[in-house]
Amino acid sequence: QLLAAADLWLFVTTAARYADAVPWELLRTAKLRGTVIALVLDRVPPEA
């Protein structure tokens, strides 16, 4: 409900979970709605 009320969705994911299915389903939904999106890739090991 809150994501549907966003002017901008700041999506936060991690180096370990960025490929999970649930977030990408919501990202597709946001894309279809035309919601402006920015992403944060969190907890990234420096070597990777």
All heavy atoms as atom14 arrays in JSON, in Angstrom:
{
  "sequence": "QLLAAADLWLFVTTAARYADAVPWELLRTAKLRGTVIALVLDRVPPEA",
  "atom14_mask": [
    [1, 1, 1, 1, 1, 1, 1, 1, 1, 0, 0, 0, 0, 0],
    [1, 1, 1, 1, 1, 1, 1, 1, 0, 0, 0, 0, 0, 0],
    [1, 1, 1, 1, 1, 1, 1, 1, 0, 0, 0, 0, 0, 0],
    [1, 1, 1, 1, 1, 0, 0, 0, 0, 0, 0, 0, 0, 0],
    [1, 1, 1, 1, 1, 0, 0, 0, 0, 0, 0, 0, 0, 0],
    [1, 1, 1, 1, 1, 0, 0, 0, 0, 0, 0, 0, 0, 0],
    [1, 1, 1, 1, 1, 1, 1, 1, 0, 0, 0, 0, 0, 0],
    [1, 1, 1, 1, 1, 1, 1, 1, 0, 0, 0, 0, 0, 0],
    [1, 1, 1, 1, 1, 1, 1, 1, 1, 1, 1, 1, 1, 1],
    [1, 1, 1, 1, 1, 1, 1, 1, 0, 0, 0, 0, 0, 0],
    [1, 1, 1, 1, 1, 1, 1, 1, 1, 1, 1, 0, 0, 0],
    [1, 1, 1, 1, 1, 1, 1, 0, 0, 0, 0, 0, 0, 0],
    [1, 1, 1, 1, 1, 1, 1, 0, 0, 0, 0, 0, 0, 0],
    [1, 1, 1, 1, 1, 1, 1, 0, 0, 0, 0, 0, 0, 0],
    [1, 1, 1, 1, 1, 0, 0, 0, 0, 0, 0, 0, 0, 0],
    [1, 1, 1, 1, 1, 0, 0, 0, 0, 0, 0, 0, 0, 0],
    [1, 1, 1, 1, 1, 1, 1, 1, 1, 1, 1, 0, 0, 0],
    [1, 1, 1, 1, 1, 1, 1, 1, 1, 1, 1, 1, 0, 0],
    [1, 1, 1, 1, 1, 0, 0, 0, 0, 0, 0, 0, 0, 0],
    [1, 1, 1, 1, 1, 1, 1, 1, 0, 0, 0, 0, 0, 0],
    [1, 1, 1, 1, 1, 0, 0, 0, 0, 0, 0, 0, 0, 0],
    [1, 1, 1, 1, 1, 1, 1, 0, 0, 0, 0, 0, 0, 0],
    [1, 1, 1, 1, 1, 1, 1, 0, 0, 0, 0, 0, 0, 0],
    [1, 1, 1, 1, 1, 1, 1, 1, 1, 1, 1, 1, 1, 1],
    [1, 1, 1, 1, 1, 1, 1, 1, 1, 0, 0, 0, 0, 0],
    [1, 1, 1, 1, 1, 1, 1, 1, 0, 0, 0, 0, 0, 0],
    [1, 1, 1, 1, 1, 1, 1, 1, 0, 0, 0, 0, 0, 0],
    [1, 1, 1, 1, 1, 1, 1, 1, 1, 1, 1, 0, 0, 0],
    [1, 1, 1, 1, 1, 1, 1, 0, 0, 0, 0, 0, 0, 0],
    [1, 1, 1, 1, 1, 0, 0, 0, 0, 0, 0, 0, 0, 0],
    [1, 1, 1, 1, 1, 1, 1, 1, 1, 0, 0, 0, 0, 0],
    [1, 1, 1, 1, 1, 1, 1, 1, 0, 0, 0, 0, 0, 0],
    [1, 1, 1, 1, 1, 1, 1, 1, 1, 1, 1, 0, 0, 0],
    [1, 1, 1, 1, 0, 0, 0, 0, 0, 0, 0, 0, 0, 0],
    [1, 1, 1, 1, 1, 1, 1, 0, 0, 0, 0, 0, 0, 0],
    [1, 1, 1, 1, 1, 1, 1, 0, 0, 0, 0, 0, 0, 0],
    [1, 1, 1, 1, 1, 1, 1, 1, 0, 0, 0, 0, 0, 0],
    [1, 1, 1, 1, 1, 0, 0, 0, 0, 0, 0, 0, 0, 0],
    [1, 1, 1, 1, 1, 1, 1, 1, 0, 0, 0, 0, 0, 0],
    [1, 1, 1, 1, 1, 1, 1, 0, 0, 0, 0, 0, 0, 0],
    [1, 1, 1, 1, 1, 1, 1, 1, 0, 0, 0, 0, 0, 0],
    [1, 1, 1, 1, 1, 1, 1, 1, 0, 0, 0, 0, 0, 0],
    [1, 1, 1, 1, 1, 1, 1, 1, 1, 1, 1, 0, 0, 0],
    [1, 1, 1, 1, 1, 1, 1, 0, 0, 0, 0, 0, 0, 0],
    [1, 1, 1, 1, 1, 1, 1, 0, 0, 0, 0, 0, 0, 0],
    [1, 1, 1, 1, 1, 1, 1, 0, 0, 0, 0, 0, 0, 0],
    [1, 1, 1, 1, 1, 1, 1, 1, 1, 0, 0, 0, 0, 0],
    [1, 1, 1, 1, 1, 0, 0, 0, 0, 0, 0, 0, 0, 0]
  ],
  "atom14_positions": [
    [[0.82, -1.21, 0.0], [0.0, 0.0, 0.0], [0.86, 1.26, 0.0], [0.58, 2.23, -0.72], [-0.91, -0.01, 1.22], [-1.81, 1.23, 1.34], [-2.61, 1.22, 2.63], [-2.58, 0.25, 3.42], [-3.34, 2.29, 2.89], [0.0, 0.0, 0.0], [0.0, 0.0, 0.0], [0.0, 0.0, 0.0], [0.0, 0.0, 0.0], [0.0, 0.0, 0.0]],
    [[1.92, 1.25, 0.79], [2.78, 2.42, 0.88], [3.57, 2.63, -0.41], [3.77, 3.78, -0.85], [3.73, 2.29, 2.07], [3.06, 2.21, 3.45], [4.1, 1.99, 4.53], [2.25, 3.46, 3.72], [0.0, 0.0, 0.0], [0.0, 0.0, 0.0], [0.0, 0.0, 0.0], [0.0, 0.0, 0.0], [0.0, 0.0, 0.0], [0.0, 0.0, 0.0]],
    [[4.03, 1.55, -1.0], [4.77, 1.69, -2.26], [3.89, 2.28, -3.35], [4.37, 3.01, -4.22], [5.31, 0.33, -2.69], [6.44, -0.24, -1.82], [6.78, -1.66, -2.24], [7.67, 0.65, -1.89], [0.0, 0.0, 0.0], [0.0, 0.0, 0.0], [0.0, 0.0, 0.0], [0.0, 0.0, 0.0], [0.0, 0.0, 0.0], [0.0, 0.0, 0.0]],
    [[2.58, 1.97, -3.3], [1.66, 2.53, -4.28], [1.41, 4.02, -4.05], [0.9, 4.71, -4.93], [0.32, 1.78, -4.24], [0.0, 0.0, 0.0], [0.0, 0.0, 0.0], [0.0, 0.0, 0.0], [0.0, 0.0, 0.0], [0.0, 0.0, 0.0], [0.0, 0.0, 0.0], [0.0, 0.0, 0.0], [0.0, 0.0, 0.0], [0.0, 0.0, 0.0]],
    [[1.8, 4.52, -2.88], [1.62, 5.94, -2.58], [2.92, 6.73, -2.72], [2.98, 7.9, -2.34], [1.08, 6.1, -1.15], [0.0, 0.0, 0.0], [0.0, 0.0, 0.0], [0.0, 0.0, 0.0], [0.0, 0.0, 0.0], [0.0, 0.0, 0.0], [0.0, 0.0, 0.0], [0.0, 0.0, 0.0], [0.0, 0.0, 0.0], [0.0, 0.0, 0.0]],
    [[3.95, 6.1, -3.26], [5.26, 6.76, -3.36], [5.36, 7.64, -4.59], [4.9, 7.27, -5.67], [6.35, 5.69, -3.41], [0.0, 0.0, 0.0], [0.0, 0.0, 0.0], [0.0, 0.0, 0.0], [0.0, 0.0, 0.0], [0.0, 0.0, 0.0], [0.0, 0.0, 0.0], [0.0, 0.0, 0.0], [0.0, 0.0, 0.0], [0.0, 0.0, 0.0]],
    [[5.97, 8.81, -4.43], [6.39, 9.6, -5.6], [7.67, 8.99, -6.18], [7.87, 8.99, -7.4], [6.66, 11.05, -5.19], [5.39, 11.78, -4.77], [4.37, 11.63, -5.46], [5.44, 12.49, -3.75], [0.0, 0.0, 0.0], [0.0, 0.0, 0.0], [0.0, 0.0, 0.0], [0.0, 0.0, 0.0], [0.0, 0.0, 0.0], [0.0, 0.0, 0.0]],
    [[8.51, 8.49, -5.28], [9.75, 7.86, -5.68], [9.98, 6.67, -4.76], [9.86, 6.8, -3.53], [10.92, 8.85, -5.6], [12.28, 8.43, -6.15], [13.08, 9.65, -6.59], [13.11, 7.65, -5.12], [0.0, 0.0, 0.0], [0.0, 0.0, 0.0], [0.0, 0.0, 0.0], [0.0, 0.0, 0.0], [0.0, 0.0, 0.0], [0.0, 0.0, 0.0]],
    [[10.32, 5.53, -5.33], [10.57, 4.35, -4.53], [12.07, 4.12, -4.45], [12.73, 3.9, -5.47], [9.87, 3.13, -5.13], [10.05, 1.88, -4.31], [10.37, 1.8, -2.99], [9.92, 0.53, -4.77], [10.45, 0.49, -2.57], [10.17, -0.32, -3.65], [9.62, -0.05, -5.99], [10.13, -1.71, -3.74], [9.58, -1.43, -6.08], [9.82, -2.25, -4.96]],
    [[12.6, 4.21, -3.23], [14.0, 3.9, -3.0], [14.07, 2.44, -2.56], [13.74, 2.09, -1.42], [14.59, 4.82, -1.92], [16.08, 4.61, -1.63], [16.93, 4.92, -2.86], [16.52, 5.48, -0.45], [0.0, 0.0, 0.0], [0.0, 0.0, 0.0], [0.0, 0.0, 0.0], [0.0, 0.0, 0.0], [0.0, 0.0, 0.0], [0.0, 0.0, 0.0]],
    [[14.49, 1.59, -3.47], [14.53, 0.15, -3.22], [15.89, -0.23, -2.65], [16.94, 0.03, -3.26], [14.26, -0.61, -4.52], [14.46, -2.09, -4.4], [13.67, -2.83, -3.54], [15.42, -2.74, -5.14], [13.83, -4.2, -3.43], [15.6, -4.11, -5.03], [14.8, -4.85, -4.17], [0.0, 0.0, 0.0], [0.0, 0.0, 0.0], [0.0, 0.0, 0.0]],
    [[15.87, -0.85, -1.47], [17.1, -1.23, -0.79], [17.23, -2.75, -0.82], [16.32, -3.47, -0.38], [17.11, -0.73, 0.67], [18.45, -1.08, 1.34], [16.87, 0.77, 0.72], [0.0, 0.0, 0.0], [0.0, 0.0, 0.0], [0.0, 0.0, 0.0], [0.0, 0.0, 0.0], [0.0, 0.0, 0.0], [0.0, 0.0, 0.0], [0.0, 0.0, 0.0]],
    [[18.34, -3.23, -1.33], [18.62, -4.66, -1.33], [20.07, -4.87, -0.92], [20.8, -3.9, -0.69], [18.34, -5.28, -2.72], [18.47, -6.7, -2.64], [19.29, -4.74, -3.78], [0.0, 0.0, 0.0], [0.0, 0.0, 0.0], [0.0, 0.0, 0.0], [0.0, 0.0, 0.0], [0.0, 0.0, 0.0], [0.0, 0.0, 0.0], [0.0, 0.0, 0.0]],
    [[20.47, -6.09, -0.81], [21.83, -6.4, -0.34], [22.57, -7.24, -1.36], [21.97, -7.81, -2.28], [21.79, -7.16, 1.0], [21.21, -8.45, 0.78], [20.98, -6.41, 2.03], [0.0, 0.0, 0.0], [0.0, 0.0, 0.0], [0.0, 0.0, 0.0], [0.0, 0.0, 0.0], [0.0, 0.0, 0.0], [0.0, 0.0, 0.0], [0.0, 0.0, 0.0]],
    [[23.87, -7.32, -1.17], [24.7, -8.13, -2.06], [24.28, -9.59, -2.02], [24.46, -10.33, -3.0], [26.18, -7.99, -1.69], [0.0, 0.0, 0.0], [0.0, 0.0, 0.0], [0.0, 0.0, 0.0], [0.0, 0.0, 0.0], [0.0, 0.0, 0.0], [0.0, 0.0, 0.0], [0.0, 0.0, 0.0], [0.0, 0.0, 0.0], [0.0, 0.0, 0.0]],
    [[23.72, -10.01, -0.9], [23.33, -11.42, -0.77], [21.93, -11.71, -1.3], [21.62, -12.86, -1.61], [23.41, -11.84, 0.7], [0.0, 0.0, 0.0], [0.0, 0.0, 0.0], [0.0, 0.0, 0.0], [0.0, 0.0, 0.0], [0.0, 0.0, 0.0], [0.0, 0.0, 0.0], [0.0, 0.0, 0.0], [0.0, 0.0, 0.0], [0.0, 0.0, 0.0]],
    [[21.09, -10.67, -1.45], [19.69, -10.94, -1.76], [19.16, -10.15, -2.96], [17.95, -10.13, -3.19], [18.82, -10.63, -0.53], [19.2, -11.44, 0.71], [18.11, -11.36, 1.76], [16.85, -11.87, 1.24], [15.7, -11.83, 1.93], [15.67, -11.29, 3.14], [14.59, -12.32, 1.42], [0.0, 0.0, 0.0], [0.0, 0.0, 0.0], [0.0, 0.0, 0.0]],
    [[20.02, -9.53, -3.71], [19.53, -8.66, -4.78], [18.82, -9.43, -5.9], [18.07, -8.84, -6.69], [20.67, -7.82, -5.37], [21.71, -8.61, -6.15], [21.56, -8.84, -7.51], [22.84, -9.11, -5.51], [22.52, -9.56, -8.22], [23.8, -9.83, -6.2], [23.63, -10.05, -7.56], [24.57, -10.76, -8.27], [0.0, 0.0, 0.0], [0.0, 0.0, 0.0]],
    [[19.02, -10.74, -6.0], [18.38, -11.52, -7.06], [17.12, -12.24, -6.58], [16.53, -13.01, -7.35], [19.37, -12.55, -7.62], [0.0, 0.0, 0.0], [0.0, 0.0, 0.0], [0.0, 0.0, 0.0], [0.0, 0.0, 0.0], [0.0, 0.0, 0.0], [0.0, 0.0, 0.0], [0.0, 0.0, 0.0], [0.0, 0.0, 0.0], [0.0, 0.0, 0.0]],
    [[16.67, -12.0, -5.35], [15.47, -12.66, -4.84], [14.26, -12.33, -5.73], [14.15, -11.23, -6.28], [15.17, -12.22, -3.41], [16.15, -12.84, -2.41], [17.02, -13.62, -2.86], [16.04, -12.53, -1.22], [0.0, 0.0, 0.0], [0.0, 0.0, 0.0], [0.0, 0.0, 0.0], [0.0, 0.0, 0.0], [0.0, 0.0, 0.0], [0.0, 0.0, 0.0]],
    [[13.31, -13.26, -5.8], [12.17, -13.11, -6.7], [11.19, -12.03, -6.24], [10.68, -11.26, -7.06], [11.45, -14.45, -6.84], [0.0, 0.0, 0.0], [0.0, 0.0, 0.0], [0.0, 0.0, 0.0], [0.0, 0.0, 0.0], [0.0, 0.0, 0.0], [0.0, 0.0, 0.0], [0.0, 0.0, 0.0], [0.0, 0.0, 0.0], [0.0, 0.0, 0.0]],
    [[10.91, -11.98, -4.94], [9.88, -11.05, -4.45], [10.19, -9.6, -4.78], [9.34, -8.87, -5.3], [9.65, -11.24, -2.94], [8.71, -10.16, -2.39], [9.07, -12.62, -2.66], [0.0, 0.0, 0.0], [0.0, 0.0, 0.0], [0.0, 0.0, 0.0], [0.0, 0.0, 0.0], [0.0, 0.0, 0.0], [0.0, 0.0, 0.0], [0.0, 0.0, 0.0]],
    [[11.4, -9.12, -4.52], [11.7, -7.72, -4.86], [11.55, -7.43, -6.35], [11.05, -6.36, -6.73], [13.15, -7.54, -4.4], [13.36, -8.6, -3.37], [12.52, -9.75, -3.82], [0.0, 0.0, 0.0], [0.0, 0.0, 0.0], [0.0, 0.0, 0.0], [0.0, 0.0, 0.0], [0.0, 0.0, 0.0], [0.0, 0.0, 0.0], [0.0, 0.0, 0.0]],
    [[11.96, -8.35, -7.18], [11.87, -8.11, -8.61], [10.43, -8.1, -9.1], [10.09, -7.37, -10.05], [12.71, -9.13, -9.39], [14.16, -8.82, -9.27], [15.06, -9.39, -8.44], [14.87, -7.8, -9.99], [16.3, -8.81, -8.58], [16.21, -7.83, -9.53], [14.51, -6.88, -10.95], [17.19, -6.96, -10.01], [15.48, -6.01, -11.45], [16.8, -6.06, -10.98]],
    [[9.58, -8.85, -8.46], [8.16, -8.8, -8.81], [7.6, -7.42, -8.49], [6.84, -6.84, -9.27], [7.4, -9.87, -8.03], [5.91, -9.94, -8.36], [5.63, -10.25, -9.81], [6.42, -11.0, -10.44], [4.62, -9.74, -10.34], [0.0, 0.0, 0.0], [0.0, 0.0, 0.0], [0.0, 0.0, 0.0], [0.0, 0.0, 0.0], [0.0, 0.0, 0.0]],
    [[7.98, -6.87, -7.34], [7.53, -5.53, -6.99], [8.16, -4.46, -7.88], [7.51, -3.47, -8.21], [7.83, -5.24, -5.52], [6.91, -5.96, -4.53], [7.39, -5.73, -3.11], [5.48, -5.48, -4.69], [0.0, 0.0, 0.0], [0.0, 0.0, 0.0], [0.0, 0.0, 0.0], [0.0, 0.0, 0.0], [0.0, 0.0, 0.0], [0.0, 0.0, 0.0]],
    [[9.42, -4.67, -8.27], [10.05, -3.73, -9.19], [9.32, -3.72, -10.54], [9.14, -2.66, -11.15], [11.52, -4.08, -9.38], [12.46, -3.69, -8.24], [13.83, -4.32, -8.43], [12.58, -2.17, -8.13], [0.0, 0.0, 0.0], [0.0, 0.0, 0.0], [0.0, 0.0, 0.0], [0.0, 0.0, 0.0], [0.0, 0.0, 0.0], [0.0, 0.0, 0.0]],
    [[8.9, -4.89, -10.99], [8.14, -4.95, -12.25], [6.81, -4.21, -12.1], [6.38, -3.49, -13.01], [7.9, -6.41, -12.64], [9.09, -7.07, -13.32], [8.71, -8.39, -13.93], [8.36, -9.39, -12.93], [9.26, -10.21, -12.38], [10.53, -10.16, -12.74], [8.87, -11.1, -11.49], [0.0, 0.0, 0.0], [0.0, 0.0, 0.0], [0.0, 0.0, 0.0]],
    [[6.18, -4.4, -10.94], [4.92, -3.7, -10.69], [5.12, -2.2, -10.69], [4.33, -1.44, -11.28], [4.32, -4.15, -9.35], [4.08, -5.55, -9.39], [3.02, -3.43, -9.06], [0.0, 0.0, 0.0], [0.0, 0.0, 0.0], [0.0, 0.0, 0.0], [0.0, 0.0, 0.0], [0.0, 0.0, 0.0], [0.0, 0.0, 0.0], [0.0, 0.0, 0.0]],
    [[6.18, -1.74, -10.02], [6.48, -0.31, -9.99], [6.75, 0.22, -11.4], [6.35, 1.34, -11.75], [7.67, -0.05, -9.07], [0.0, 0.0, 0.0], [0.0, 0.0, 0.0], [0.0, 0.0, 0.0], [0.0, 0.0, 0.0], [0.0, 0.0, 0.0], [0.0, 0.0, 0.0], [0.0, 0.0, 0.0], [0.0, 0.0, 0.0], [0.0, 0.0, 0.0]],
    [[7.47, -0.56, -12.19], [7.76, -0.17, -13.57], [6.46, -0.02, -14.36], [6.28, 0.95, -15.1], [8.67, -1.22, -14.21], [8.89, -1.04, -15.7], [9.66, 0.21, -16.02], [9.94, 0.32, -17.51], [10.62, 1.59, -17.87], [0.0, 0.0, 0.0], [0.0, 0.0, 0.0], [0.0, 0.0, 0.0], [0.0, 0.0, 0.0], [0.0, 0.0, 0.0]],
    [[5.56, -0.98, -14.21], [4.29, -0.92, -14.94], [3.46, 0.28, -14.5], [2.74, 0.86, -15.3], [3.5, -2.22, -14.71], [4.08, -3.48, -15.38], [3.29, -4.71, -14.95], [4.06, -3.33, -16.9], [0.0, 0.0, 0.0], [0.0, 0.0, 0.0], [0.0, 0.0, 0.0], [0.0, 0.0, 0.0], [0.0, 0.0, 0.0], [0.0, 0.0, 0.0]],
    [[3.56, 0.64, -13.23], [2.81, 1.8, -12.72], [3.46, 3.11, -13.12], [2.87, 4.18, -12.93], [2.73, 1.74, -11.2], [1.74, 0.73, -10.65], [1.81, 0.72, -9.14], [0.83, -0.18, -8.56], [0.83, -0.55, -7.3], [1.78, -0.08, -6.48], [-0.09, -1.38, -6.82], [0.0, 0.0, 0.0], [0.0, 0.0, 0.0], [0.0, 0.0, 0.0]],
    [[4.67, 3.06, -13.59], [5.37, 4.29, -13.93], [6.02, 4.96, -12.75], [6.46, 6.12, -12.85], [0.0, 0.0, 0.0], [0.0, 0.0, 0.0], [0.0, 0.0, 0.0], [0.0, 0.0, 0.0], [0.0, 0.0, 0.0], [0.0, 0.0, 0.0], [0.0, 0.0, 0.0], [0.0, 0.0, 0.0], [0.0, 0.0, 0.0], [0.0, 0.0, 0.0]],
    [[6.13, 4.27, -11.61], [6.75, 4.86, -10.43], [8.24, 5.09, -10.68], [8.94, 4.22, -11.2], [6.59, 3.93, -9.22], [5.2, 3.64, -9.04], [7.14, 4.57, -7.95], [0.0, 0.0, 0.0], [0.0, 0.0, 0.0], [0.0, 0.0, 0.0], [0.0, 0.0, 0.0], [0.0, 0.0, 0.0], [0.0, 0.0, 0.0], [0.0, 0.0, 0.0]],
    [[8.72, 6.26, -10.29], [10.14, 6.56, -10.42], [10.9, 5.77, -9.35], [10.49, 5.72, -8.19], [10.4, 8.06, -10.25], [11.89, 8.37, -10.32], [9.65, 8.85, -11.34], [0.0, 0.0, 0.0], [0.0, 0.0, 0.0], [0.0, 0.0, 0.0], [0.0, 0.0, 0.0], [0.0, 0.0, 0.0], [0.0, 0.0, 0.0], [0.0, 0.0, 0.0]],
    [[12.0, 5.12, -9.77], [12.71, 4.2, -8.9], [14.19, 4.58, -8.81], [14.81, 4.97, -9.81], [12.61, 2.75, -9.43], [11.15, 2.31, -9.53], [13.39, 1.78, -8.56], [10.96, 1.01, -10.28], [0.0, 0.0, 0.0], [0.0, 0.0, 0.0], [0.0, 0.0, 0.0], [0.0, 0.0, 0.0], [0.0, 0.0, 0.0], [0.0, 0.0, 0.0]],
    [[14.75, 4.47, -7.61], [16.19, 4.52, -7.39], [16.54, 3.32, -6.51], [15.7, 2.85, -5.74], [16.6, 5.82, -6.71], [0.0, 0.0, 0.0], [0.0, 0.0, 0.0], [0.0, 0.0, 0.0], [0.0, 0.0, 0.0], [0.0, 0.0, 0.0], [0.0, 0.0, 0.0], [0.0, 0.0, 0.0], [0.0, 0.0, 0.0], [0.0, 0.0, 0.0]],
    [[17.76, 2.81, -6.64], [18.14, 1.6, -5.93], [19.39, 1.8, -5.09], [20.3, 2.56, -5.48], [18.39, 0.44, -6.9], [17.17, -0.09, -7.66], [17.07, 0.59, -9.02], [17.25, -1.6, -7.84], [0.0, 0.0, 0.0], [0.0, 0.0, 0.0], [0.0, 0.0, 0.0], [0.0, 0.0, 0.0], [0.0, 0.0, 0.0], [0.0, 0.0, 0.0]],
    [[19.41, 1.11, -3.96], [20.6, 1.08, -3.11], [21.02, -0.38, -2.96], [20.23, -1.22, -2.51], [20.32, 1.68, -1.72], [21.53, 1.47, -0.81], [19.98, 3.16, -1.84], [0.0, 0.0, 0.0], [0.0, 0.0, 0.0], [0.0, 0.0, 0.0], [0.0, 0.0, 0.0], [0.0, 0.0, 0.0], [0.0, 0.0, 0.0], [0.0, 0.0, 0.0]],
    [[22.24, -0.68, -3.38], [22.82, -2.0, -3.19], [23.66, -1.94, -1.92], [24.71, -1.32, -1.89], [23.66, -2.4, -4.4], [24.32, -3.78, -4.35], [23.27, -4.88, -4.2], [25.18, -4.0, -5.58], [0.0, 0.0, 0.0], [0.0, 0.0, 0.0], [0.0, 0.0, 0.0], [0.0, 0.0, 0.0], [0.0, 0.0, 0.0], [0.0, 0.0, 0.0]],
    [[23.18, -2.57, -0.88], [23.73, -2.42, 0.46], [24.64, -3.61, 0.82], [24.54, -4.69, 0.26], [22.56, -2.32, 1.45], [22.97, -1.71, 2.78], [24.12, -1.27, 2.9], [22.12, -1.68, 3.69], [0.0, 0.0, 0.0], [0.0, 0.0, 0.0], [0.0, 0.0, 0.0], [0.0, 0.0, 0.0], [0.0, 0.0, 0.0], [0.0, 0.0, 0.0]],
    [[25.55, -3.34, 1.77], [26.42, -4.38, 2.34], [27.21, -5.13, 1.26], [27.21, -6.35, 1.21], [25.59, -5.38, 3.13], [24.86, -4.77, 4.3], [24.09, -5.83, 5.04], [23.27, -5.25, 6.08], [22.18, -5.84, 6.56], [21.81, -7.01, 6.1], [21.49, -5.26, 7.51], [0.0, 0.0, 0.0], [0.0, 0.0, 0.0], [0.0, 0.0, 0.0]],
    [[27.85, -4.38, 0.44], [28.62, -4.98, -0.66], [30.06, -5.19, -0.19], [30.76, -4.23, 0.17], [28.59, -4.07, -1.9], [29.42, -4.7, -3.03], [27.16, -3.84, -2.34], [0.0, 0.0, 0.0], [0.0, 0.0, 0.0], [0.0, 0.0, 0.0], [0.0, 0.0, 0.0], [0.0, 0.0, 0.0], [0.0, 0.0, 0.0], [0.0, 0.0, 0.0]],
    [[30.57, -6.44, -0.2], [31.97, -6.67, 0.16], [32.88, -5.95, -0.82], [32.66, -6.01, -2.04], [32.11, -8.19, 0.05], [30.71, -8.72, 0.14], [29.85, -7.69, -0.49], [0.0, 0.0, 0.0], [0.0, 0.0, 0.0], [0.0, 0.0, 0.0], [0.0, 0.0, 0.0], [0.0, 0.0, 0.0], [0.0, 0.0, 0.0], [0.0, 0.0, 0.0]],
    [[33.88, -5.25, -0.34], [34.75, -4.48, -1.25], [35.35, -5.32, -2.36], [35.44, -4.87, -3.51], [35.83, -3.93, -0.31], [35.17, -3.9, 1.04], [34.25, -5.06, 1.07], [0.0, 0.0, 0.0], [0.0, 0.0, 0.0], [0.0, 0.0, 0.0], [0.0, 0.0, 0.0], [0.0, 0.0, 0.0], [0.0, 0.0, 0.0], [0.0, 0.0, 0.0]],
    [[35.72, -6.57, -2.05], [36.4, -7.39, -3.05], [35.44, -7.86, -4.15], [35.89, -8.28, -5.22], [37.05, -8.6, -2.39], [36.09, -9.62, -1.77], [35.64, -9.24, -0.37], [35.94, -8.11, 0.06], [35.0, -10.08, 0.29], [0.0, 0.0, 0.0], [0.0, 0.0, 0.0], [0.0, 0.0, 0.0], [0.0, 0.0, 0.0], [0.0, 0.0, 0.0]],
    [[34.12, -7.81, -3.9], [33.16, -8.28, -4.9], [32.29, -7.16, -5.44], [31.34, -7.42, -6.18], [32.27, -9.37, -4.29], [0.0, 0.0, 0.0], [0.0, 0.0, 0.0], [0.0, 0.0, 0.0], [0.0, 0.0, 0.0], [0.0, 0.0, 0.0], [0.0, 0.0, 0.0], [0.0, 0.0, 0.0], [0.0, 0.0, 0.0], [0.0, 0.0, 0.0]]
  ]
}
